[in-house]
Amino acid sequence: MNLVLLAFRLMCLAWLWPVTLLNGSHQPNKRRHKDVYLGENSKNQHGGRIDFKMKKSDSTKSLLIKSEQLLRIEDHDFAMRPGFGGAAIPVGIDVQVESIDSISEVNMDFTMTLYLRHYWQDDRLAFPSSSNRSRTFDARLVKKIWVPDVFFVHSKRSFIHDTTMENIMLRVYPDGNILYSVRITVTALCAMDFSSFPLDTQKCSLELESCWYNRLYINFILRRHIFFFMLQTYFPTMLMVMLSWVSFWIDRRAVPARVSLGITTVLTMSTIITGVSASMPQVSYVKAVDIYLWASFLFVFLSVIEYAAVNYFTTVEEMKKLKGGKIPADFNATQTMAFDGCYHDNDIALTPFPELPNTPNTERRRTATSRNSAAEPPPTEGTRLRRKKSIKHNLSFIMSNSYMIDSYSRVIFPMTYLLFNIIYWSLYS
């Protein structure tokens, strides 16, 4: 009997053991599904409560979700402007220039860094608040709302600064007023007029336009400082012109000295003109600096031509004297021409012309001359005899006295260059 009772108990235990294991294995899964279900429901509850574990793992995302819920981002279509279908929305714009980075005459543009701020009202973003006067957001919220479509009209290159993050700020007020600020570096076209360069004043405009077809002009008046160009261009040019005048005080027989000085000043002026032209745009009109440089180059060139004329007239004068005079037997032409390649009357002992023999014709001429002089009345006291000299006679006189060309050039060249400077600076300054 006892054995039968023990076997019955063992059979009952064997039947209850799998049921217990089965219930134990399903119970954790039910608890896990219940937790997930409760977690999903917690996101959709009114009041926007978020699971504590999610908030702890990603607090930034949870705060952004709270901001979107506060501004009701999901309740409106922000692809449309505020008050779509009605009147246009007035948008205020102001610009704070941080720096003018560069102005390029060659490319005719200018680069500047500025803060571009927009002001408008969007009632869809109004929120109730009793303590906060405004709320500030970054670029992540800007991408989800409507902002004005303002662009730079004549922009060549532009970018928004993004170090260490995008330099964009959005400030929303409880009544729906919005301030949108962005930091931009823009390179814009500027049509410059170089007629008075470098004594010029340029007017460059930064133009902003919207698909409402309105355009905002921001004008910049740029005045160039002349001191840099005085040191780099004008002073060296003046010195080269005055250096070319030194040859007027050098002996006309010193051919190597005067020629080398003239060629040096001409080449230096060519270098200055080339350097200035390389840093300027290729325009089809004449600039003020071109007028000054080429006029100065003309003065330097004329100083070289002046010595060429002096040397030529000197050679012609000496050759005439050599042909009309008698050359002594001990004359050494090699020593005389070794200095500058020309004959000079100071190095040659010329004999006087021989007297003409007395002939009957000569006697008649002398008698007629004495009679004519006796027939003419003597000049009265207080009168002066003047004889008009023709231009040809004056030129022949200068050619026969070539040293006078240097004497005149010492006065004419400086006075003419001074007059040119007075006229130039009075017109362009």
Protein backbone atom coordinates (compact mmCIF):
# COMPACT_ATOMS: atom_id res chain seq x y z
CA MET A 1 0.00 0.00 0.00
CA ASN A 2 2.81 2.33 0.86
CA LEU A 3 4.55 1.53 -2.37
CA VAL A 4 1.46 2.32 -4.40
CA LEU A 5 1.07 5.71 -2.61
CA LEU A 6 4.73 6.61 -3.24
CA ALA A 7 4.46 5.81 -6.94
CA PHE A 8 1.35 7.98 -7.22
CA ARG A 9 3.16 10.94 -5.65
CA LEU A 10 6.10 10.54 -8.05
CA MET A 11 3.76 10.57 -11.03
CA CYS A 12 2.15 13.81 -9.80
CA LEU A 13 5.52 15.48 -9.37
CA ALA A 14 6.64 14.43 -12.86
CA TRP A 15 3.50 15.94 -14.36
CA LEU A 16 3.76 19.31 -12.56
CA TRP A 17 7.53 19.94 -13.30
CA PRO A 18 7.26 20.88 -17.08
CA VAL A 19 4.36 23.24 -16.35
CA THR A 20 6.46 25.11 -13.81
CA LEU A 21 9.42 25.42 -16.20
CA LEU A 22 7.15 26.68 -18.98
CA ASN A 23 5.60 29.38 -16.82
CA GLY A 24 9.01 30.47 -15.58
CA SER A 25 10.48 30.92 -19.12
CA HIS A 26 7.57 33.07 -20.43
CA GLN A 27 7.27 35.42 -17.51
CA PRO A 28 10.44 37.56 -18.23
CA ASN A 29 9.43 38.06 -21.88
CA LYS A 30 6.04 39.35 -20.84
CA ARG A 31 7.70 41.80 -18.49
CA ARG A 32 10.10 43.00 -21.19
CA HIS A 33 7.32 43.58 -23.74
CA LYS A 34 5.37 45.43 -21.16
CA ASP A 35 8.27 47.76 -20.48
CA VAL A 36 8.70 48.59 -24.17
CA TYR A 37 5.00 49.16 -24.59
CA LEU A 38 4.93 51.51 -21.64
CA GLY A 39 8.00 53.33 -22.96
CA GLU A 40 6.37 53.97 -26.33
CA ASN A 41 3.19 55.17 -24.70
CA SER A 42 5.16 57.54 -22.52
CA LYS A 43 6.34 59.50 -25.60
CA ASN A 44 2.78 60.10 -26.78
CA GLN A 45 1.34 61.18 -23.47
CA HIS A 46 0.14 64.78 -23.17
CA GLY A 47 2.71 66.93 -21.49
CA GLY A 48 5.52 65.47 -23.61
CA ARG A 49 7.13 63.33 -20.89
CA ILE A 50 10.18 61.44 -22.09
CA ASP A 51 11.59 58.27 -20.63
CA PHE A 52 14.26 59.07 -18.06
CA LYS A 53 16.77 56.69 -19.61
CA MET A 54 16.40 58.37 -23.04
CA LYS A 55 16.77 61.82 -21.52
CA LYS A 56 19.89 60.74 -19.73
CA SER A 57 21.47 59.21 -22.84
CA ASP A 58 20.61 62.12 -25.25
CA SER A 59 19.65 65.26 -23.41
CA THR A 60 20.26 67.57 -26.44
CA LYS A 61 17.75 65.68 -28.55
CA SER A 62 15.18 65.79 -25.83
CA LEU A 63 15.61 69.58 -25.39
CA LEU A 64 15.26 70.09 -29.13
CA ILE A 65 12.06 68.10 -29.09
CA LYS A 66 10.80 70.31 -26.30
CA SER A 67 11.63 73.46 -28.30
CA GLU A 68 9.85 72.13 -31.38
CA GLN A 69 6.85 71.30 -29.27
CA LEU A 70 6.92 74.76 -27.71
CA LEU A 71 7.02 76.50 -31.12
CA ARG A 72 4.60 73.96 -32.69
CA ILE A 73 6.95 73.19 -35.56
CA GLU A 74 4.98 70.11 -36.63
CA ASP A 75 1.64 71.93 -36.66
CA HIS A 76 2.48 74.29 -39.56
CA ASP A 77 3.91 74.11 -43.07
CA PHE A 78 7.00 76.30 -42.91
CA ALA A 79 7.69 75.87 -46.61
CA MET A 80 5.21 78.74 -47.03
CA ARG A 81 5.86 82.28 -45.87
CA PRO A 82 3.81 83.78 -43.05
CA GLY A 83 0.42 84.99 -44.22
CA PHE A 84 0.70 83.22 -47.56
CA GLY A 85 -1.89 84.54 -50.02
CA GLY A 86 -2.10 87.92 -48.36
CA ALA A 87 0.08 90.99 -48.30
CA ALA A 88 3.86 90.76 -48.47
CA ILE A 89 5.73 90.32 -45.20
CA PRO A 90 7.98 93.29 -44.38
CA VAL A 91 11.51 92.16 -43.62
CA GLY A 92 14.01 94.52 -42.03
CA ILE A 93 17.72 94.10 -42.78
CA ASP A 94 20.80 95.66 -41.26
CA VAL A 95 24.46 94.98 -41.92
CA GLN A 96 27.36 95.33 -39.52
CA VAL A 97 30.67 95.34 -41.37
CA GLU A 98 33.33 93.56 -39.37
CA SER A 99 36.23 94.14 -41.76
CA ILE A 100 37.06 95.01 -45.36
CA ASP A 101 39.56 92.29 -46.14
CA SER A 102 40.83 93.29 -49.58
CA ILE A 103 40.20 95.55 -52.58
CA SER A 104 41.54 94.29 -55.90
CA GLU A 105 42.00 96.73 -58.77
CA VAL A 106 43.02 93.94 -61.14
CA ASN A 107 39.88 91.84 -60.54
CA MET A 108 37.67 94.88 -59.84
CA ASP A 109 36.13 93.42 -56.67
CA PHE A 110 36.23 93.80 -52.91
CA THR A 111 35.98 91.31 -50.05
CA MET A 112 34.42 91.97 -46.66
CA THR A 113 33.23 90.09 -43.59
CA LEU A 114 29.88 91.19 -42.18
CA TYR A 115 26.97 90.28 -39.92
CA LEU A 116 23.72 90.11 -41.89
CA ARG A 117 20.63 90.43 -39.69
CA HIS A 118 16.95 89.93 -40.66
CA TYR A 119 13.87 91.01 -38.75
CA TRP A 120 10.32 89.78 -39.44
CA GLN A 121 7.24 88.45 -37.65
CA ASP A 122 5.85 84.94 -37.89
CA ASP A 123 2.76 84.41 -35.75
CA ARG A 124 3.10 80.65 -36.14
CA LEU A 125 6.17 80.73 -33.87
CA ALA A 126 4.53 82.72 -31.06
CA PHE A 127 4.60 80.94 -27.69
CA PRO A 128 3.24 81.69 -24.22
CA SER A 129 5.85 82.79 -21.73
CA SER A 130 5.74 84.51 -18.38
CA SER A 131 9.43 84.53 -17.50
CA ASN A 132 11.46 84.39 -20.76
CA ARG A 133 11.46 87.49 -22.97
CA SER A 134 12.96 85.52 -25.86
CA ARG A 135 14.50 82.19 -26.75
CA THR A 136 17.68 81.72 -28.78
CA PHE A 137 18.37 78.79 -31.10
CA ASP A 138 21.14 77.68 -33.43
CA ALA A 139 21.27 76.55 -37.07
CA ARG A 140 19.48 73.26 -36.43
CA LEU A 141 16.14 74.95 -35.89
CA VAL A 142 16.72 77.42 -38.75
CA LYS A 143 16.52 74.57 -41.24
CA LYS A 144 12.99 73.70 -40.08
CA ILE A 145 11.32 77.12 -40.30
CA TRP A 146 10.79 79.76 -42.98
CA VAL A 147 13.52 82.38 -43.43
CA PRO A 148 13.77 85.22 -46.03
CA ASP A 149 15.39 84.28 -49.36
CA VAL A 150 17.89 87.13 -49.44
CA PHE A 151 20.96 86.80 -51.69
CA PHE A 152 23.87 89.00 -52.87
CA VAL A 153 23.33 90.17 -56.43
CA HIS A 154 26.89 90.70 -57.72
CA SER A 155 28.57 88.15 -55.51
CA LYS A 156 31.53 86.24 -56.93
CA ARG A 157 32.21 84.12 -53.85
CA SER A 158 30.61 83.95 -50.40
CA PHE A 159 30.44 81.55 -47.48
CA ILE A 160 29.03 81.27 -43.96
CA HIS A 161 31.61 80.82 -41.23
CA ASP A 162 31.36 77.40 -39.61
CA THR A 163 34.13 77.28 -36.98
CA THR A 164 33.59 75.84 -34.45
CA MET A 165 29.99 75.59 -35.59
CA GLU A 166 27.85 77.49 -38.08
CA ASN A 167 27.78 81.17 -37.14
CA ILE A 168 23.99 81.41 -37.26
CA MET A 169 21.72 82.70 -34.52
CA LEU A 170 17.91 82.64 -34.34
CA ARG A 171 16.07 84.54 -31.62
CA VAL A 172 12.30 84.12 -31.22
CA TYR A 173 10.15 86.43 -29.10
CA PRO A 174 6.82 85.40 -27.50
CA ASP A 175 4.82 87.60 -29.89
CA GLY A 176 6.35 85.92 -32.97
CA ASN A 177 9.00 88.55 -33.79
CA ILE A 178 12.18 86.93 -35.08
CA LEU A 179 15.82 88.00 -35.30
CA TYR A 180 17.96 85.96 -37.69
CA SER A 181 21.71 86.74 -37.78
CA VAL A 182 24.44 85.13 -39.90
CA ARG A 183 28.17 85.86 -40.29
CA ILE A 184 29.24 85.93 -43.93
CA THR A 185 32.37 86.69 -45.97
CA VAL A 186 31.43 87.89 -49.45
CA THR A 187 33.45 88.93 -52.50
CA ALA A 188 31.39 91.29 -54.66
CA LEU A 189 31.94 92.97 -58.00
CA CYS A 190 32.82 96.68 -58.04
CA ALA A 191 32.94 98.58 -61.34
CA MET A 192 35.85 100.96 -60.78
CA ASP A 193 36.88 104.00 -62.82
CA PHE A 194 40.66 104.49 -62.93
CA SER A 195 40.75 107.74 -64.90
CA SER A 196 42.18 109.56 -61.86
CA PHE A 197 44.20 106.66 -60.44
CA PRO A 198 45.86 106.84 -57.91
CA LEU A 199 44.20 110.13 -56.96
CA ASP A 200 40.77 108.55 -57.26
CA THR A 201 37.70 107.85 -55.13
CA GLN A 202 35.73 104.67 -55.82
CA LYS A 203 32.07 103.92 -55.06
CA CYS A 204 31.37 100.23 -54.46
CA SER A 205 27.89 98.84 -53.75
CA LEU A 206 26.83 95.69 -51.91
CA GLU A 207 23.41 94.77 -53.30
CA LEU A 208 20.92 92.42 -51.63
CA GLU A 209 17.78 91.17 -53.34
CA SER A 210 14.84 88.93 -52.53
CA CYS A 211 12.33 86.97 -54.69
CA TRP A 212 9.95 89.68 -53.79
CA TYR A 213 12.01 91.59 -56.28
CA ASN A 214 13.11 94.32 -53.94
CA ARG A 215 16.79 95.36 -53.91
CA LEU A 216 18.78 96.93 -51.09
CA TYR A 217 21.87 99.02 -51.94
CA ILE A 218 24.67 99.50 -49.44
CA ASN A 219 27.16 102.04 -50.81
CA PHE A 220 30.78 102.26 -49.71
CA ILE A 221 32.86 105.33 -50.58
CA LEU A 222 36.52 104.29 -50.80
CA ARG A 223 39.16 107.02 -50.89
CA ARG A 224 42.70 105.96 -51.79
CA HIS A 225 45.70 107.08 -49.73
CA ILE A 226 48.28 108.70 -52.02
CA PHE A 227 51.30 108.38 -49.72
CA PHE A 228 52.04 104.78 -50.74
CA PHE A 229 52.10 105.69 -54.42
CA MET A 230 54.19 108.76 -53.72
CA LEU A 231 56.90 106.53 -52.25
CA GLN A 232 56.62 103.78 -54.83
CA THR A 233 56.02 105.70 -58.05
CA TYR A 234 56.09 109.49 -57.99
CA PHE A 235 59.26 110.18 -55.95
CA PRO A 236 61.43 107.69 -57.93
CA THR A 237 60.12 109.17 -61.17
CA MET A 238 60.97 112.71 -60.09
CA LEU A 239 64.46 111.65 -59.07
CA MET A 240 65.09 109.96 -62.42
CA VAL A 241 64.03 113.09 -64.30
CA MET A 242 66.29 115.32 -62.18
CA LEU A 243 69.13 112.83 -62.57
CA SER A 244 68.89 113.17 -66.34
CA TRP A 245 69.52 116.90 -65.97
CA VAL A 246 72.97 116.23 -64.50
CA SER A 247 74.26 115.57 -68.00
CA PHE A 248 73.77 119.28 -68.84
CA TRP A 249 76.58 120.12 -66.42
CA ILE A 250 78.97 117.45 -67.74
CA ASP A 251 81.48 118.47 -70.40
CA ARG A 252 80.16 117.88 -73.89
CA ARG A 253 83.39 116.11 -74.80
CA ALA A 254 82.72 113.41 -72.14
CA VAL A 255 80.74 111.17 -74.46
CA PRO A 256 80.83 107.93 -72.37
CA ALA A 257 79.70 109.71 -69.19
CA ARG A 258 76.74 111.52 -70.74
CA VAL A 259 75.58 108.61 -72.89
CA SER A 260 75.68 106.10 -70.02
CA LEU A 261 73.80 108.50 -67.74
CA GLY A 262 71.08 109.06 -70.33
CA ILE A 263 70.62 105.37 -71.11
CA THR A 264 70.48 104.48 -67.38
CA THR A 265 67.69 106.95 -66.68
CA VAL A 266 65.71 105.81 -69.72
CA LEU A 267 65.91 102.14 -68.68
CA THR A 268 64.94 102.97 -65.11
CA MET A 269 61.88 104.85 -66.26
CA SER A 270 60.90 101.90 -68.46
CA THR A 271 61.13 99.61 -65.42
CA ILE A 272 58.89 101.88 -63.34
CA ILE A 273 56.27 102.07 -66.09
CA THR A 274 56.28 98.29 -66.53
CA GLY A 275 55.87 97.67 -62.78
CA VAL A 276 52.91 100.02 -62.50
CA SER A 277 51.20 98.55 -65.57
CA ALA A 278 51.56 95.00 -64.22
CA SER A 279 49.60 95.84 -61.07
CA MET A 280 46.73 97.53 -62.93
CA PRO A 281 43.86 96.16 -65.02
CA GLN A 282 44.12 96.43 -68.77
CA VAL A 283 41.66 99.25 -69.40
CA SER A 284 41.11 101.07 -72.69
CA TYR A 285 41.48 104.61 -71.32
CA VAL A 286 44.43 106.62 -70.01
CA LYS A 287 44.98 106.83 -66.25
CA ALA A 288 46.40 109.78 -64.36
CA VAL A 289 49.50 107.83 -63.36
CA ASP A 290 50.10 106.97 -67.04
CA ILE A 291 50.11 110.66 -67.95
CA TYR A 292 52.68 111.44 -65.28
CA LEU A 293 54.94 108.50 -66.06
CA TRP A 294 54.96 109.01 -69.81
CA ALA A 295 55.48 112.76 -69.50
CA SER A 296 58.45 112.11 -67.20
CA PHE A 297 59.75 109.51 -69.63
CA LEU A 298 59.54 112.14 -72.38
CA PHE A 299 61.69 114.55 -70.34
CA VAL A 300 64.32 111.85 -69.80
CA PHE A 301 64.26 110.91 -73.46
CA LEU A 302 64.63 114.53 -74.56
CA SER A 303 67.71 114.93 -72.36
CA VAL A 304 69.34 112.11 -74.33
CA ILE A 305 68.28 113.71 -77.63
CA GLU A 306 69.65 117.04 -76.39
CA TYR A 307 73.13 115.60 -76.00
CA ALA A 308 72.88 113.92 -79.39
CA ALA A 309 72.18 117.36 -80.92
CA VAL A 310 75.03 118.98 -78.97
CA ASN A 311 77.48 116.33 -80.08
CA TYR A 312 76.39 116.57 -83.70
CA PHE A 313 76.60 120.38 -83.88
CA THR A 314 79.97 120.31 -82.15
CA THR A 315 81.31 117.85 -84.69
CA VAL A 316 79.99 119.91 -87.63
CA GLU A 317 81.49 123.11 -86.18
CA GLU A 318 84.90 121.57 -85.68
CA MET A 319 84.95 119.97 -89.10
CA LYS A 320 84.25 123.37 -90.69
CA LYS A 321 87.12 124.90 -88.79
CA LEU A 322 89.42 122.10 -89.81
CA LYS A 323 88.53 122.49 -93.48
CA GLY A 324 88.93 126.29 -93.50
CA GLY A 325 92.16 126.38 -91.47
CA LYS A 326 95.69 125.08 -91.94
CA ILE A 327 96.65 121.97 -90.03
CA PRO A 328 100.23 122.07 -88.68
CA ALA A 329 102.67 119.39 -89.63
CA ASP A 330 103.09 118.09 -86.08
CA PHE A 331 99.30 117.58 -85.59
CA ASN A 332 98.43 114.10 -84.22
CA ALA A 333 94.80 113.29 -85.07
CA THR A 334 94.83 110.02 -83.07
CA GLN A 335 95.51 111.79 -79.76
CA THR A 336 92.84 114.42 -80.39
CA MET A 337 90.08 111.92 -81.25
CA ALA A 338 90.98 109.43 -78.54
CA PHE A 339 88.90 111.30 -75.98
CA ASP A 340 85.53 111.40 -77.69
CA GLY A 341 86.03 110.74 -81.38
CA CYS A 342 85.76 114.39 -82.50
CA TYR A 343 88.16 117.09 -83.60
CA HIS A 344 88.35 120.20 -81.38
CA ASP A 345 89.72 123.64 -82.16
CA ASN A 346 91.42 123.88 -78.75
CA ASP A 347 93.71 121.01 -79.64
CA ILE A 348 94.75 122.39 -83.05
CA ALA A 349 96.95 125.45 -83.60
CA LEU A 350 95.27 127.07 -86.59
CA THR A 351 97.12 129.77 -88.56
CA PRO A 352 95.31 132.96 -89.55
CA PHE A 353 93.98 133.37 -93.06
CA PRO A 354 96.50 135.06 -95.48
CA GLU A 355 95.76 138.56 -96.62
CA LEU A 356 94.47 139.03 -100.17
CA PRO A 357 96.82 140.79 -102.64
CA ASN A 358 95.95 144.31 -103.81
CA THR A 359 94.36 144.27 -107.26
CA PRO A 360 92.51 147.00 -109.24
CA ASN A 361 89.15 145.36 -108.44
CA THR A 362 89.95 145.31 -104.75
CA GLU A 363 90.86 148.98 -104.77
CA ARG A 364 87.56 149.88 -106.49
CA ARG A 365 85.55 147.96 -103.87
CA ARG A 366 87.32 149.68 -101.01
CA THR A 367 86.72 153.12 -102.61
CA ALA A 368 82.99 152.41 -103.17
CA THR A 369 82.60 151.23 -99.59
CA SER A 370 84.23 154.36 -98.19
CA ARG A 371 81.99 156.59 -100.35
CA ASN A 372 78.78 154.87 -99.20
CA SER A 373 79.79 155.15 -95.58
CA ALA A 374 80.54 158.87 -96.08
CA ALA A 375 77.18 159.50 -97.78
CA GLU A 376 75.18 157.97 -94.88
CA PRO A 377 74.52 160.43 -92.06
CA PRO A 378 75.92 159.51 -88.70
CA PRO A 379 73.41 158.22 -86.12
CA THR A 380 71.99 160.88 -83.89
CA GLU A 381 72.34 160.77 -80.13
CA GLY A 382 69.62 158.91 -78.32
CA THR A 383 68.86 156.47 -81.14
CA ARG A 384 69.89 152.80 -81.31
CA LEU A 385 70.45 150.81 -84.41
CA ARG A 386 68.70 147.42 -84.43
CA ARG A 387 68.99 144.71 -86.97
CA LYS A 388 66.37 142.02 -87.19
CA LYS A 389 67.81 138.56 -87.15
CA SER A 390 65.97 135.75 -88.88
CA ILE A 391 65.26 132.35 -87.33
CA LYS A 392 67.69 130.76 -89.75
CA HIS A 393 70.40 133.13 -88.58
CA ASN A 394 69.67 132.27 -84.93
CA LEU A 395 69.80 128.57 -85.66
CA SER A 396 73.07 128.93 -87.49
CA PHE A 397 74.39 130.92 -84.56
CA ILE A 398 73.39 128.19 -82.10
CA MET A 399 74.87 125.52 -84.36
CA SER A 400 78.15 127.39 -84.48
CA ASN A 401 78.05 127.74 -80.65
CA SER A 402 76.75 124.33 -79.58
CA TYR A 403 77.84 124.82 -75.98
CA MET A 404 74.93 127.26 -75.60
CA ILE A 405 72.42 124.38 -75.98
CA ASP A 406 73.53 122.99 -72.62
CA SER A 407 73.26 126.43 -71.07
CA TYR A 408 69.68 126.89 -72.24
CA SER A 409 68.72 123.32 -71.28
CA ARG A 410 69.81 123.90 -67.68
CA VAL A 411 66.98 126.42 -67.36
CA ILE A 412 64.36 125.25 -69.84
CA PHE A 413 64.10 121.62 -68.69
CA PRO A 414 63.59 122.31 -64.92
CA MET A 415 61.17 125.16 -65.54
CA THR A 416 59.08 123.13 -67.98
CA TYR A 417 58.95 120.12 -65.65
CA LEU A 418 57.95 122.35 -62.74
CA LEU A 419 55.13 123.83 -64.83
CA PHE A 420 53.96 120.34 -65.77
CA ASN A 421 53.81 119.30 -62.09
CA ILE A 422 51.82 122.38 -61.14
CA ILE A 423 49.24 121.69 -63.84
CA TYR A 424 49.10 117.93 -63.08
CA TRP A 425 48.60 118.20 -59.32
CA SER A 426 46.09 121.04 -59.65
CA LEU A 427 43.93 118.95 -62.01
CA TYR A 428 43.95 115.59 -60.18
CA SER A 429 44.42 116.40 -56.51
